[in-house]
Amino acid sequence: MDIIETIKEQIANNTILLYMKGSPNAPQCGFSARASQAVMGCGEKFAYVDILQNPEIRANLPKYANWPTFPQLWVAGELVGGSDIMLEMFEKGELQTLIKEAAAKAKASEA
């Protein structure tokens, strides 16, 4: 499977997906640390991909997403944005709403 197909599958199979440097418990850059804290602060389970461990994803996701930087948050198949956008949305309460609604829809469709 080519890397773009892998990326599409990851996004399709994970309602809340954070592409970041490191992991939520051991982020490898300040932007990823702040982004993962914001997502964790929403109180829903989420998946993550450590782009440092996946150089092909690191090289190809910016082209696929048309977004040049990391971290990247994807919710329900849509790119939300990077660290600054996530933090701004979190401070306004918008990120919590977006993530909780997406998680609720995913749970409902599983039931």
PDB file of N, CA and C in Angstrom:
ATOM      1  N   MET A   1       0.859  -1.181   0.000  1.00  0.00           N
ATOM      2  CA  MET A   1       0.000   0.000   0.000  1.00  0.00           C
ATOM      3  C   MET A   1       0.904   1.244   0.000  1.00  0.00           C
ATOM      4  N   ASP A   2       0.550   2.213  -0.847  1.00  0.00           N
ATOM      5  CA  ASP A   2       1.402   3.390  -0.867  1.00  0.00           C
ATOM      6  C   ASP A   2       1.076   4.296   0.318  1.00  0.00           C
ATOM      7  N   ILE A   3       1.961   5.222   0.585  1.00  0.00           N
ATOM      8  CA  ILE A   3       1.899   6.013   1.823  1.00  0.00           C
ATOM      9  C   ILE A   3       0.656   6.910   1.867  1.00  0.00           C
ATOM     10  N   ILE A   4       0.223   7.426   0.728  1.00  0.00           N
ATOM     11  CA  ILE A   4      -0.987   8.255   0.716  1.00  0.00           C
ATOM     12  C   ILE A   4      -2.201   7.404   1.093  1.00  0.00           C
ATOM     13  N   GLU A   5      -2.244   6.169   0.627  1.00  0.00           N
ATOM     14  CA  GLU A   5      -3.338   5.264   1.016  1.00  0.00           C
ATOM     15  C   GLU A   5      -3.294   4.983   2.519  1.00  0.00           C
ATOM     16  N   THR A   6      -2.090   4.822   3.056  1.00  0.00           N
ATOM     17  CA  THR A   6      -1.930   4.607   4.502  1.00  0.00           C
ATOM     18  C   THR A   6      -2.468   5.805   5.274  1.00  0.00           C
ATOM     19  N   ILE A   7      -2.105   7.007   4.841  1.00  0.00           N
ATOM     20  CA  ILE A   7      -2.573   8.234   5.500  1.00  0.00           C
ATOM     21  C   ILE A   7      -4.100   8.311   5.432  1.00  0.00           C
ATOM     22  N   LYS A   8      -4.666   8.075   4.248  1.00  0.00           N
ATOM     23  CA  LYS A   8      -6.127   8.124   4.093  1.00  0.00           C
ATOM     24  C   LYS A   8      -6.801   7.127   5.024  1.00  0.00           C
ATOM     25  N   GLU A   9      -6.213   5.927   5.134  1.00  0.00           N
ATOM     26  CA  GLU A   9      -6.781   4.891   5.996  1.00  0.00           C
ATOM     27  C   GLU A   9      -6.711   5.314   7.469  1.00  0.00           C
ATOM     28  N   GLN A  10      -5.575   5.875   7.888  1.00  0.00           N
ATOM     29  CA  GLN A  10      -5.438   6.340   9.272  1.00  0.00           C
ATOM     30  C   GLN A  10      -6.500   7.391   9.588  1.00  0.00           C
ATOM     31  N   ILE A  11      -6.684   8.333   8.687  1.00  0.00           N
ATOM     32  CA  ILE A  11      -7.659   9.405   8.907  1.00  0.00           C
ATOM     33  C   ILE A  11      -9.077   8.835   8.927  1.00  0.00           C
ATOM     34  N   ALA A  12      -9.367   7.897   8.025  1.00  0.00           N
ATOM     35  CA  ALA A  12     -10.706   7.309   7.952  1.00  0.00           C
ATOM     36  C   ALA A  12     -11.022   6.441   9.175  1.00  0.00           C
ATOM     37  N   ASN A  13     -10.006   5.750   9.710  1.00  0.00           N
ATOM     38  CA  ASN A  13     -10.230   4.792  10.784  1.00  0.00           C
ATOM     39  C   ASN A  13     -10.138   5.378  12.189  1.00  0.00           C
ATOM     40  N   ASN A  14      -9.769   6.650  12.307  1.00  0.00           N
ATOM     41  CA  ASN A  14      -9.629   7.276  13.619  1.00  0.00           C
ATOM     42  C   ASN A  14     -10.403   8.585  13.634  1.00  0.00           C
ATOM     43  N   THR A  15     -11.457   8.624  14.440  1.00  0.00           N
ATOM     44  CA  THR A  15     -12.298   9.815  14.505  1.00  0.00           C
ATOM     45  C   THR A  15     -11.491  11.035  14.920  1.00  0.00           C
ATOM     46  N   ILE A  16     -10.611  10.853  15.892  1.00  0.00           N
ATOM     47  CA  ILE A  16      -9.762  11.949  16.382  1.00  0.00           C
ATOM     48  C   ILE A  16      -8.322  11.481  16.242  1.00  0.00           C
ATOM     49  N   LEU A  17      -7.569  12.154  15.389  1.00  0.00           N
ATOM     50  CA  LEU A  17      -6.209  11.717  15.061  1.00  0.00           C
ATOM     51  C   LEU A  17      -5.263  12.903  15.082  1.00  0.00           C
ATOM     52  N   LEU A  18      -4.197  12.769  15.855  1.00  0.00           N
ATOM     53  CA  LEU A  18      -3.193  13.822  15.964  1.00  0.00           C
ATOM     54  C   LEU A  18      -1.874  13.310  15.384  1.00  0.00           C
ATOM     55  N   TYR A  19      -1.420  13.967  14.336  1.00  0.00           N
ATOM     56  CA  TYR A  19      -0.077  13.704  13.810  1.00  0.00           C
ATOM     57  C   TYR A  19       0.847  14.651  14.554  1.00  0.00           C
ATOM     58  N   MET A  20       1.845  14.096  15.239  1.00  0.00           N
ATOM     59  CA  MET A  20       2.695  14.920  16.095  1.00  0.00           C
ATOM     60  C   MET A  20       4.111  14.379  16.152  1.00  0.00           C
ATOM     61  N   LYS A  21       4.990  15.162  16.753  1.00  0.00           N
ATOM     62  CA  LYS A  21       6.367  14.722  16.994  1.00  0.00           C
ATOM     63  C   LYS A  21       6.410  14.131  18.396  1.00  0.00           C
ATOM     64  N   GLY A  22       6.673  12.828  18.474  1.00  0.00           N
ATOM     65  CA  GLY A  22       6.674  12.140  19.756  1.00  0.00           C
ATOM     66  C   GLY A  22       5.302  11.560  20.045  1.00  0.00           C
ATOM     67  N   SER A  23       5.014  11.393  21.340  1.00  0.00           N
ATOM     68  CA  SER A  23       3.723  10.862  21.764  1.00  0.00           C
ATOM     69  C   SER A  23       3.097  11.845  22.755  1.00  0.00           C
ATOM     70  N   PRO A  24       1.795  11.717  23.029  1.00  0.00           N
ATOM     71  CA  PRO A  24       1.161  12.647  23.975  1.00  0.00           C
ATOM     72  C   PRO A  24       1.852  12.672  25.341  1.00  0.00           C
ATOM     73  N   ASN A  25       2.381  11.525  25.772  1.00  0.00           N
ATOM     74  CA  ASN A  25       3.054  11.479  27.076  1.00  0.00           C
ATOM     75  C   ASN A  25       4.531  11.842  27.004  1.00  0.00           C
ATOM     76  N   ALA A  26       5.081  11.876  25.785  1.00  0.00           N
ATOM     77  CA  ALA A  26       6.496  12.238  25.600  1.00  0.00           C
ATOM     78  C   ALA A  26       6.663  13.015  24.292  1.00  0.00           C
ATOM     79  N   PRO A  27       6.051  14.219  24.232  1.00  0.00           N
ATOM     80  CA  PRO A  27       6.149  15.003  23.005  1.00  0.00           C
ATOM     81  C   PRO A  27       7.589  15.448  22.752  1.00  0.00           C
ATOM     82  N   GLN A  28       7.937  15.565  21.462  1.00  0.00           N
ATOM     83  CA  GLN A  28       9.309  15.894  21.085  1.00  0.00           C
ATOM     84  C   GLN A  28       9.465  17.328  20.599  1.00  0.00           C
ATOM     85  N   CYS A  29       8.407  18.149  20.718  1.00  0.00           N
ATOM     86  CA  CYS A  29       8.550  19.578  20.430  1.00  0.00           C
ATOM     87  C   CYS A  29       7.458  20.323  21.173  1.00  0.00           C
ATOM     88  N   GLY A  30       7.674  21.596  21.400  1.00  0.00           N
ATOM     89  CA  GLY A  30       6.725  22.404  22.158  1.00  0.00           C
ATOM     90  C   GLY A  30       5.351  22.483  21.512  1.00  0.00           C
ATOM     91  N   PHE A  31       5.324  22.597  20.186  1.00  0.00           N
ATOM     92  CA  PHE A  31       4.036  22.673  19.494  1.00  0.00           C
ATOM     93  C   PHE A  31       3.244  21.390  19.684  1.00  0.00           C
ATOM     94  N   SER A  32       3.917  20.237  19.564  1.00  0.00           N
ATOM     95  CA  SER A  32       3.242  18.953  19.762  1.00  0.00           C
ATOM     96  C   SER A  32       2.799  18.798  21.214  1.00  0.00           C
ATOM     97  N   ALA A  33       3.611  19.297  22.145  1.00  0.00           N
ATOM     98  CA  ALA A  33       3.243  19.222  23.569  1.00  0.00           C
ATOM     99  C   ALA A  33       1.955  20.003  23.822  1.00  0.00           C
ATOM    100  N   ARG A  34       1.892  21.235  23.325  1.00  0.00           N
ATOM    101  CA  ARG A  34       0.703  22.065  23.548  1.00  0.00           C
ATOM    102  C   ARG A  34      -0.513  21.476  22.843  1.00  0.00           C
ATOM    103  N   ALA A  35      -0.313  20.979  21.632  1.00  0.00           N
ATOM    104  CA  ALA A  35      -1.432  20.397  20.880  1.00  0.00           C
ATOM    105  C   ALA A  35      -1.992  19.168  21.590  1.00  0.00           C
ATOM    106  N   SER A  36      -1.104  18.270  22.027  1.00  0.00           N
ATOM    107  CA  SER A  36      -1.594  17.050  22.674  1.00  0.00           C
ATOM    108  C   SER A  36      -2.268  17.377  24.004  1.00  0.00           C
ATOM    109  N   GLN A  37      -1.773  18.395  24.726  1.00  0.00           N
ATOM    110  CA  GLN A  37      -2.421  18.812  25.974  1.00  0.00           C
ATOM    111  C   GLN A  37      -3.838  19.313  25.704  1.00  0.00           C
ATOM    112  N   ALA A  38      -3.989  20.100  24.626  1.00  0.00           N
ATOM    113  CA  ALA A  38      -5.314  20.625  24.279  1.00  0.00           C
ATOM    114  C   ALA A  38      -6.267  19.482  23.942  1.00  0.00           C
ATOM    115  N   VAL A  39      -5.803  18.519  23.137  1.00  0.00           N
ATOM    116  CA  VAL A  39      -6.669  17.402  22.750  1.00  0.00           C
ATOM    117  C   VAL A  39      -6.995  16.553  23.980  1.00  0.00           C
ATOM    118  N   MET A  40      -5.996  16.272  24.820  1.00  0.00           N
ATOM    119  CA  MET A  40      -6.254  15.489  26.035  1.00  0.00           C
ATOM    120  C   MET A  40      -7.237  16.225  26.939  1.00  0.00           C
ATOM    121  N   GLY A  41      -7.159  17.562  26.949  1.00  0.00           N
ATOM    122  CA  GLY A  41      -8.045  18.365  27.773  1.00  0.00           C
ATOM    123  C   GLY A  41      -9.505  18.285  27.351  1.00  0.00           C
ATOM    124  N   CYS A  42      -9.763  17.733  26.172  1.00  0.00           N
ATOM    125  CA  CYS A  42     -11.141  17.581  25.688  1.00  0.00           C
ATOM    126  C   CYS A  42     -11.802  16.324  26.249  1.00  0.00           C
ATOM    127  N   GLY A  43     -11.004  15.447  26.843  1.00  0.00           N
ATOM    128  CA  GLY A  43     -11.551  14.311  27.570  1.00  0.00           C
ATOM    129  C   GLY A  43     -12.012  13.123  26.741  1.00  0.00           C
ATOM    130  N   GLU A  44     -11.636  13.061  25.478  1.00  0.00           N
ATOM    131  CA  GLU A  44     -12.004  11.911  24.651  1.00  0.00           C
ATOM    132  C   GLU A  44     -10.749  11.166  24.247  1.00  0.00           C
ATOM    133  N   LYS A  45     -10.920   9.869  23.995  1.00  0.00           N
ATOM    134  CA  LYS A  45      -9.781   9.080  23.507  1.00  0.00           C
ATOM    135  C   LYS A  45      -9.437   9.540  22.099  1.00  0.00           C
ATOM    136  N   PHE A  46      -8.158   9.528  21.789  1.00  0.00           N
ATOM    137  CA  PHE A  46      -7.744   9.889  20.433  1.00  0.00           C
ATOM    138  C   PHE A  46      -6.533   9.072  20.033  1.00  0.00           C
ATOM    139  N   ALA A  47      -6.346   8.961  18.739  1.00  0.00           N
ATOM    140  CA  ALA A  47      -5.191   8.250  18.193  1.00  0.00           C
ATOM    141  C   ALA A  47      -4.122   9.278  17.847  1.00  0.00           C
ATOM    142  N   TYR A  48      -2.892   8.815  17.791  1.00  0.00           N
ATOM    143  CA  TYR A  48      -1.824   9.709  17.352  1.00  0.00           C
ATOM    144  C   TYR A  48      -0.840   8.918  16.499  1.00  0.00           C
ATOM    145  N   VAL A  49      -0.125   9.640  15.657  1.00  0.00           N
ATOM    146  CA  VAL A  49       0.944   9.065  14.856  1.00  0.00           C
ATOM    147  C   VAL A  49       2.183   9.911  15.124  1.00  0.00           C
ATOM    148  N   ASP A  50       3.253   9.235  15.557  1.00  0.00           N
ATOM    149  CA  ASP A  50       4.533   9.910  15.790  1.00  0.00           C
ATOM    150  C   ASP A  50       5.241  10.018  14.446  1.00  0.00           C
ATOM    151  N   ILE A  51       5.274  11.219  13.896  1.00  0.00           N
ATOM    152  CA  ILE A  51       5.872  11.388  12.564  1.00  0.00           C
ATOM    153  C   ILE A  51       7.385  11.210  12.585  1.00  0.00           C
ATOM    154  N   LEU A  52       8.000  11.318  13.758  1.00  0.00           N
ATOM    155  CA  LEU A  52       9.446  11.081  13.850  1.00  0.00           C
ATOM    156  C   LEU A  52       9.767   9.605  13.619  1.00  0.00           C
ATOM    157  N   GLN A  53       8.812   8.732  13.968  1.00  0.00           N
ATOM    158  CA  GLN A  53       8.973   7.290  13.746  1.00  0.00           C
ATOM    159  C   GLN A  53       8.490   6.877  12.351  1.00  0.00           C
ATOM    160  N   ASN A  54       7.853   7.800  11.658  1.00  0.00           N
ATOM    161  CA  ASN A  54       7.261   7.506  10.345  1.00  0.00           C
ATOM    162  C   ASN A  54       7.693   8.561   9.328  1.00  0.00           C
ATOM    163  N   PRO A  55       8.964   8.507   8.888  1.00  0.00           N
ATOM    164  CA  PRO A  55       9.467   9.558   8.002  1.00  0.00           C
ATOM    165  C   PRO A  55       8.697   9.687   6.690  1.00  0.00           C
ATOM    166  N   GLU A  56       8.121   8.580   6.199  1.00  0.00           N
ATOM    167  CA  GLU A  56       7.341   8.670   4.957  1.00  0.00           C
ATOM    168  C   GLU A  56       6.075   9.491   5.167  1.00  0.00           C
ATOM    169  N   ILE A  57       5.436   9.303   6.311  1.00  0.00           N
ATOM    170  CA  ILE A  57       4.244  10.099   6.622  1.00  0.00           C
ATOM    171  C   ILE A  57       4.658  11.554   6.811  1.00  0.00           C
ATOM    172  N   ARG A  58       5.755  11.764   7.509  1.00  0.00           N
ATOM    173  CA  ARG A  58       6.249  13.125   7.741  1.00  0.00           C
ATOM    174  C   ARG A  58       6.504  13.841   6.412  1.00  0.00           C
ATOM    175  N   ALA A  59       7.014  13.108   5.429  1.00  0.00           N
ATOM    176  CA  ALA A  59       7.333  13.709   4.131  1.00  0.00           C
ATOM    177  C   ALA A  59       6.094  13.929   3.266  1.00  0.00           C
ATOM    178  N   ASN A  60       5.095  13.054   3.381  1.00  0.00           N
ATOM    179  CA  ASN A  60       3.960  13.086   2.453  1.00  0.00           C
ATOM    180  C   ASN A  60       2.687  13.722   2.988  1.00  0.00           C
ATOM    181  N   LEU A  61       2.474  13.707   4.303  1.00  0.00           N
ATOM    182  CA  LEU A  61       1.237  14.274   4.852  1.00  0.00           C
ATOM    183  C   LEU A  61       1.082  15.759   4.526  1.00  0.00           C
ATOM    184  N   PRO A  62       2.124  16.585   4.617  1.00  0.00           N
ATOM    185  CA  PRO A  62       1.918  18.003   4.283  1.00  0.00           C
ATOM    186  C   PRO A  62       1.386  18.207   2.858  1.00  0.00           C
ATOM    187  N   LYS A  63       1.828  17.387   1.909  1.00  0.00           N
ATOM    188  CA  LYS A  63       1.324  17.494   0.527  1.00  0.00           C
ATOM    189  C   LYS A  63      -0.138  17.060   0.477  1.00  0.00           C
ATOM    190  N   TYR A  64      -0.440  15.941   1.128  1.00  0.00           N
ATOM    191  CA  TYR A  64      -1.811  15.424   1.112  1.00  0.00           C
ATOM    192  C   TYR A  64      -2.769  16.413   1.782  1.00  0.00           C
ATOM    193  N   ALA A  65      -2.360  16.935   2.925  1.00  0.00           N
ATOM    194  CA  ALA A  65      -3.229  17.811   3.712  1.00  0.00           C
ATOM    195  C   ALA A  65      -3.230  19.251   3.202  1.00  0.00           C
ATOM    196  N   ASN A  66      -2.247  19.580   2.370  1.00  0.00           N
ATOM    197  CA  ASN A  66      -2.051  20.962   1.948  1.00  0.00           C
ATOM    198  C   ASN A  66      -1.839  21.849   3.185  1.00  0.00           C
ATOM    199  N   TRP A  67      -1.091  21.306   4.146  1.00  0.00           N
ATOM    200  CA  TRP A  67      -0.787  21.993   5.405  1.00  0.00           C
ATOM    201  C   TRP A  67       0.676  21.685   5.711  1.00  0.00           C
ATOM    202  N   PRO A  68       1.541  22.702   5.787  1.00  0.00           N
ATOM    203  CA  PRO A  68       2.985  22.442   5.787  1.00  0.00           C
ATOM    204  C   PRO A  68       3.602  21.987   7.109  1.00  0.00           C
ATOM    205  N   THR A  69       2.904  22.183   8.215  1.00  0.00           N
ATOM    206  CA  THR A  69       3.566  21.987   9.502  1.00  0.00           C
ATOM    207  C   THR A  69       2.913  20.884  10.334  1.00  0.00           C
ATOM    208  N   PHE A  70       3.616  20.509  11.392  1.00  0.00           N
ATOM    209  CA  PHE A  70       3.106  19.574  12.400  1.00  0.00           C
ATOM    210  C   PHE A  70       3.120  20.280  13.738  1.00  0.00           C
ATOM    211  N   PRO A  71       2.247  19.911  14.651  1.00  0.00           N
ATOM    212  CA  PRO A  71       1.246  18.845  14.580  1.00  0.00           C
ATOM    213  C   PRO A  71       0.080  19.191  13.656  1.00  0.00           C
ATOM    214  N   GLN A  72      -0.678  18.146  13.325  1.00  0.00           N
ATOM    215  CA  GLN A  72      -1.926  18.296  12.571  1.00  0.00           C
ATOM    216  C   GLN A  72      -2.995  17.500  13.288  1.00  0.00           C
ATOM    217  N   LEU A  73      -4.131  18.131  13.513  1.00  0.00           N
ATOM    218  CA  LEU A  73      -5.268  17.446  14.131  1.00  0.00           C
ATOM    219  C   LEU A  73      -6.337  17.206  13.078  1.00  0.00           C
ATOM    220  N   TRP A  74      -6.770  15.956  13.001  1.00  0.00           N
ATOM    221  CA  TRP A  74      -7.855  15.560  12.101  1.00  0.00           C
ATOM    222  C   TRP A  74      -9.015  15.066  12.950  1.00  0.00           C
ATOM    223  N   VAL A  75     -10.199  15.591  12.702  1.00  0.00           N
ATOM    224  CA  VAL A  75     -11.399  15.169  13.429  1.00  0.00           C
ATOM    225  C   VAL A  75     -12.462  14.816  12.393  1.00  0.00           C
ATOM    226  N   ALA A  76     -12.958  13.601  12.491  1.00  0.00           N
ATOM    227  CA  ALA A  76     -14.001  13.104  11.582  1.00  0.00           C
ATOM    228  C   ALA A  76     -13.604  13.303  10.119  1.00  0.00           C
ATOM    229  N   GLY A  77     -12.343  13.016   9.819  1.00  0.00           N
ATOM    230  CA  GLY A  77     -11.869  13.070   8.445  1.00  0.00           C
ATOM    231  C   GLY A  77     -11.506  14.452   7.924  1.00  0.00           C
ATOM    232  N   GLU A  78     -11.656  15.473   8.767  1.00  0.00           N
ATOM    233  CA  GLU A  78     -11.361  16.849   8.345  1.00  0.00           C
ATOM    234  C   GLU A  78     -10.148  17.381   9.091  1.00  0.00           C
ATOM    235  N   LEU A  79      -9.293  18.092   8.368  1.00  0.00           N
ATOM    236  CA  LEU A  79      -8.143  18.737   9.006  1.00  0.00           C
ATOM    237  C   LEU A  79      -8.635  19.933   9.804  1.00  0.00           C
ATOM    238  N   VAL A  80      -8.355  19.928  11.095  1.00  0.00           N
ATOM    239  CA  VAL A  80      -8.709  21.065  11.949  1.00  0.00           C
ATOM    240  C   VAL A  80      -7.630  22.134  11.825  1.00  0.00           C
ATOM    241  N   GLY A  81      -6.358  21.698  11.911  1.00  0.00           N
ATOM    242  CA  GLY A  81      -5.259  22.648  11.777  1.00  0.00           C
ATOM    243  C   GLY A  81      -4.104  22.266  12.673  1.00  0.00           C
ATOM    244  N   GLY A  82      -3.247  23.237  12.888  1.00  0.00           N
ATOM    245  CA  GLY A  82      -2.051  23.029  13.682  1.00  0.00           C
ATOM    246  C   GLY A  82      -2.206  23.520  15.107  1.00  0.00           C
ATOM    247  N   SER A  83      -1.093  23.612  15.783  1.00  0.00           N
ATOM    248  CA  SER A  83      -1.047  23.926  17.206  1.00  0.00           C
ATOM    249  C   SER A  83      -1.760  25.243  17.550  1.00  0.00           C
ATOM    250  N   ASP A  84      -1.459  26.312  16.825  1.00  0.00           N
ATOM    251  CA  ASP A  84      -2.058  27.622  17.148  1.00  0.00           C
ATOM    252  C   ASP A  84      -3.575  27.590  17.019  1.00  0.00           C
ATOM    253  N   ILE A  85      -4.058  26.976  15.945  1.00  0.00           N
ATOM    254  CA  ILE A  85      -5.503  26.887  15.725  1.00  0.00           C
ATOM    255  C   ILE A  85      -6.149  26.039  16.818  1.00  0.00           C
ATOM    256  N   MET A  86      -5.507  24.909  17.158  1.00  0.00           N
ATOM    257  CA  MET A  86      -6.054  24.041  18.211  1.00  0.00           C
ATOM    258  C   MET A  86      -6.157  24.787  19.537  1.00  0.00           C
ATOM    259  N   LEU A  87      -5.099  25.512  19.899  1.00  0.00           N
ATOM    260  CA  LEU A  87      -5.098  26.216  21.184  1.00  0.00           C
ATOM    261  C   LEU A  87      -6.135  27.331  21.206  1.00  0.00           C
ATOM    262  N   GLU A  88      -6.252  28.052  20.105  1.00  0.00           N
ATOM    263  CA  GLU A  88      -7.250  29.113  20.019  1.00  0.00           C
ATOM    264  C   GLU A  88      -8.651  28.534  20.167  1.00  0.00           C
ATOM    265  N   MET A  89      -8.916  27.425  19.455  1.00  0.00           N
ATOM    266  CA  MET A  89     -10.227  26.771  19.551  1.00  0.00           C
ATOM    267  C   MET A  89     -10.472  26.234  20.955  1.00  0.00           C
ATOM    268  N   PHE A  90      -9.421  25.680  21.591  1.00  0.00           N
ATOM    269  CA  PHE A  90      -9.565  25.141  22.944  1.00  0.00           C
ATOM    270  C   PHE A  90      -9.948  26.251  23.918  1.00  0.00           C
ATOM    271  N   GLU A  91      -9.261  27.400  23.810  1.00  0.00           N
ATOM    272  CA  GLU A  91      -9.533  28.523  24.716  1.00  0.00           C
ATOM    273  C   GLU A  91     -10.960  29.039  24.572  1.00  0.00           C
ATOM    274  N   LYS A  92     -11.521  28.942  23.364  1.00  0.00           N
ATOM    275  CA  LYS A  92     -12.900  29.402  23.124  1.00  0.00           C
ATOM    276  C   LYS A  92     -13.932  28.314  23.436  1.00  0.00           C
ATOM    277  N   GLY A  93     -13.464  27.095  23.718  1.00  0.00           N
ATOM    278  CA  GLY A  93     -14.385  25.993  23.968  1.00  0.00           C
ATOM    279  C   GLY A  93     -14.835  25.285  22.703  1.00  0.00           C
ATOM    280  N   GLU A  94     -14.344  25.739  21.538  1.00  0.00           N
ATOM    281  CA  GLU A  94     -14.778  25.162  20.260  1.00  0.00           C
ATOM    282  C   GLU A  94     -14.181  23.777  20.025  1.00  0.00           C
ATOM    283  N   LEU A  95     -12.938  23.574  20.455  1.00  0.00           N
ATOM    284  CA  LEU A  95     -12.279  22.284  20.225  1.00  0.00           C
ATOM    285  C   LEU A  95     -12.977  21.187  21.024  1.00  0.00           C
ATOM    286  N   GLN A  96     -13.330  21.492  22.272  1.00  0.00           N
ATOM    287  CA  GLN A  96     -14.019  20.512  23.110  1.00  0.00           C
ATOM    288  C   GLN A  96     -15.329  20.081  22.453  1.00  0.00           C
ATOM    289  N   THR A  97     -16.095  21.062  21.954  1.00  0.00           N
ATOM    290  CA  THR A  97     -17.376  20.774  21.307  1.00  0.00           C
ATOM    291  C   THR A  97     -17.164  19.908  20.070  1.00  0.00           C
ATOM    292  N   LEU A  98     -16.226  20.300  19.219  1.00  0.00           N
ATOM    293  CA  LEU A  98     -15.937  19.568  17.987  1.00  0.00           C
ATOM    294  C   LEU A  98     -15.557  18.118  18.293  1.00  0.00           C
ATOM    295  N   ILE A  99     -14.646  17.937  19.244  1.00  0.00           N
ATOM    296  CA  ILE A  99     -14.156  16.594  19.570  1.00  0.00           C
ATOM    297  C   ILE A  99     -15.237  15.761  20.250  1.00  0.00           C
ATOM    298  N   LYS A 100     -15.966  16.353  21.178  1.00  0.00           N
ATOM    299  CA  LYS A 100     -17.021  15.595  21.868  1.00  0.00           C
ATOM    300  C   LYS A 100     -18.122  15.172  20.901  1.00  0.00           C
ATOM    301  N   GLU A 101     -18.510  16.065  19.989  1.00  0.00           N
ATOM    302  CA  GLU A 101     -19.550  15.718  19.011  1.00  0.00           C
ATOM    303  C   GLU A 101     -19.075  14.617  18.075  1.00  0.00           C
ATOM    304  N   ALA A 102     -17.827  14.713  17.612  1.00  0.00           N
ATOM    305  CA  ALA A 102     -17.282  13.688  16.709  1.00  0.00           C
ATOM    306  C   ALA A 102     -17.195  12.338  17.421  1.00  0.00           C
ATOM    307  N   ALA A 103     -16.755  12.352  18.671  1.00  0.00           N
ATOM    308  CA  ALA A 103     -16.645  11.110  19.448  1.00  0.00           C
ATOM    309  C   ALA A 103     -18.030  10.503  19.681  1.00  0.00           C
ATOM    310  N   ALA A 104     -19.028  11.346  19.988  1.00  0.00           N
ATOM    311  CA  ALA A 104     -20.391  10.857  20.222  1.00  0.00           C
ATOM    312  C   ALA A 104     -20.960  10.227  18.949  1.00  0.00           C
ATOM    313  N   LYS A 105     -20.729  10.866  17.800  1.00  0.00           N
ATOM    314  CA  LYS A 105     -21.219  10.328  16.520  1.00  0.00           C
ATOM    315  C   LYS A 105     -20.550   8.987  16.229  1.00  0.00           C
ATOM    316  N   ALA A 106     -19.242   8.904  16.476  1.00  0.00           N
ATOM    317  CA  ALA A 106     -18.507   7.657  16.225  1.00  0.00           C
ATOM    318  C   ALA A 106     -19.034   6.543  17.119  1.00  0.00           C
ATOM    319  N   LYS A 107     -19.290   6.853  18.394  1.00  0.00           N
ATOM    320  CA  LYS A 107     -19.819   5.848  19.325  1.00  0.00           C
ATOM    321  C   LYS A 107     -21.207   5.405  18.891  1.00  0.00           C
ATOM    322  N   ALA A 108     -22.030   6.357  18.443  1.00  0.00           N
ATOM    323  CA  ALA A 108     -23.387   6.035  18.018  1.00  0.00           C
ATOM    324  C   ALA A 108     -23.377   5.128  16.794  1.00  0.00           C
ATOM    325  N   SER A 109     -22.441   5.379  15.873  1.00  0.00           N
ATOM    326  CA  SER A 109     -22.400   4.555  14.660  1.00  0.00           C
ATOM    327  C   SER A 109     -21.835   3.162  14.930  1.00  0.00           C
ATOM    328  N   GLU A 110     -21.079   3.024  16.020  1.00  0.00           N
ATOM    329  CA  GLU A 110     -20.554   1.701  16.411  1.00  0.00           C
ATOM    330  C   GLU A 110     -21.641   0.859  17.086  1.00  0.00           C
ATOM    331  N   ALA A 111     -22.576   1.542  17.737  1.00  0.00           N
ATOM    332  CA  ALA A 111     -23.601   0.848  18.524  1.00  0.00           C
ATOM    333  C   ALA A 111     -24.615   0.126  17.654  1.00  0.00           C
TER     334      ALA A 111
END
